[in-house]
Protein backbone atom coordinates (compact mmCIF):
# COMPACT_ATOMS: atom_id res chain seq x y z
CA MET A 1 -2.15 -12.44 -2.50
CA ALA A 2 0.91 -10.24 -2.31
CA GLN A 3 4.04 -11.43 -4.09
CA PHE A 4 7.43 -10.82 -2.44
CA GLY A 5 9.94 -12.41 -4.76
CA LYS A 6 8.95 -16.08 -4.72
CA VAL A 7 6.98 -15.79 -1.47
CA GLU A 8 3.22 -15.21 -1.53
CA ILE A 9 1.46 -13.78 1.53
CA ALA A 10 -2.27 -13.10 1.86
CA ASP A 11 -3.22 -9.42 1.53
CA ALA A 12 -5.02 -9.49 4.89
CA GLU A 13 -1.84 -10.69 6.59
CA VAL A 14 0.32 -8.10 4.79
CA ASN A 15 -2.03 -5.34 5.98
CA ARG A 16 -2.02 -6.68 9.54
CA LEU A 17 1.75 -7.06 9.93
CA THR A 18 4.15 -4.23 10.74
CA ASP A 19 7.10 -3.67 8.41
CA ARG A 20 9.39 -5.42 10.87
CA GLU A 21 7.06 -8.42 11.24
CA LEU A 22 6.64 -8.70 7.48
CA ALA A 23 10.40 -8.63 6.94
CA GLN A 24 10.81 -11.30 9.63
CA ARG A 25 8.18 -13.44 7.89
CA LEU A 26 10.13 -13.18 4.63
CA VAL A 27 13.38 -14.08 6.42
CA SER A 28 11.69 -17.17 7.87
CA GLU A 29 10.79 -18.14 4.28
CA GLY A 30 14.48 -18.01 3.27
CA VAL A 31 14.86 -14.42 2.02
CA SER A 32 17.97 -12.57 3.22
CA ARG A 33 17.33 -9.90 5.83
CA LEU A 34 18.55 -7.05 3.59
CA THR A 35 16.46 -8.26 0.65
CA ALA A 36 13.42 -8.68 2.90
CA ALA A 37 13.77 -5.11 4.18
CA ARG A 38 14.07 -3.81 0.60
CA LEU A 39 11.04 -5.82 -0.57
CA VAL A 40 8.96 -4.42 2.29
CA GLU A 41 10.11 -0.85 1.48
CA ILE A 42 9.10 -1.28 -2.15
CA ALA A 43 5.79 -2.95 -1.33
CA ARG A 44 4.88 -0.19 1.12
CA SER A 45 5.99 2.47 -1.43
CA GLU A 46 8.46 3.97 1.01
CA ALA A 47 11.44 3.63 -1.28
CA ASP A 48 12.64 4.84 -4.61
CA VAL A 49 11.59 1.84 -6.70
CA VAL A 50 14.08 2.64 -9.45
CA GLY A 51 17.02 1.68 -7.25
CA ARG A 52 19.54 2.89 -4.75
CA ALA A 53 22.64 2.89 -6.92
CA ARG A 54 24.36 6.22 -7.21
CA PRO A 55 24.02 8.00 -10.55
CA HIS A 56 26.99 7.86 -12.90
CA PRO A 57 27.93 10.70 -15.22
CA THR A 58 27.13 10.14 -18.86
CA SER A 59 30.12 9.39 -21.05
CA ARG A 60 31.05 12.17 -23.49
CA ARG A 61 32.63 9.98 -26.13
CA ALA A 62 32.46 11.24 -29.69
C-alpha cells in the first residue's frame, strides 16, 4: 500500500495510474488539487522533496 497523506492506495494501482489519474484519485478522496499534485511529484521522485520555498539569507547577527 502506498500512503498519500491519509489516503492509502494499492501499489498495483499506483503503478498502473498516470500522474494525472493518481492526482485525480486523491482529489476524489478529498485532497486539494495542488496538494494532490505535490504528493504525486514526491511519490514519483520528480520533485525536490526538501521543499519549494525560496532560500533565505542567513542572519549575520553577532
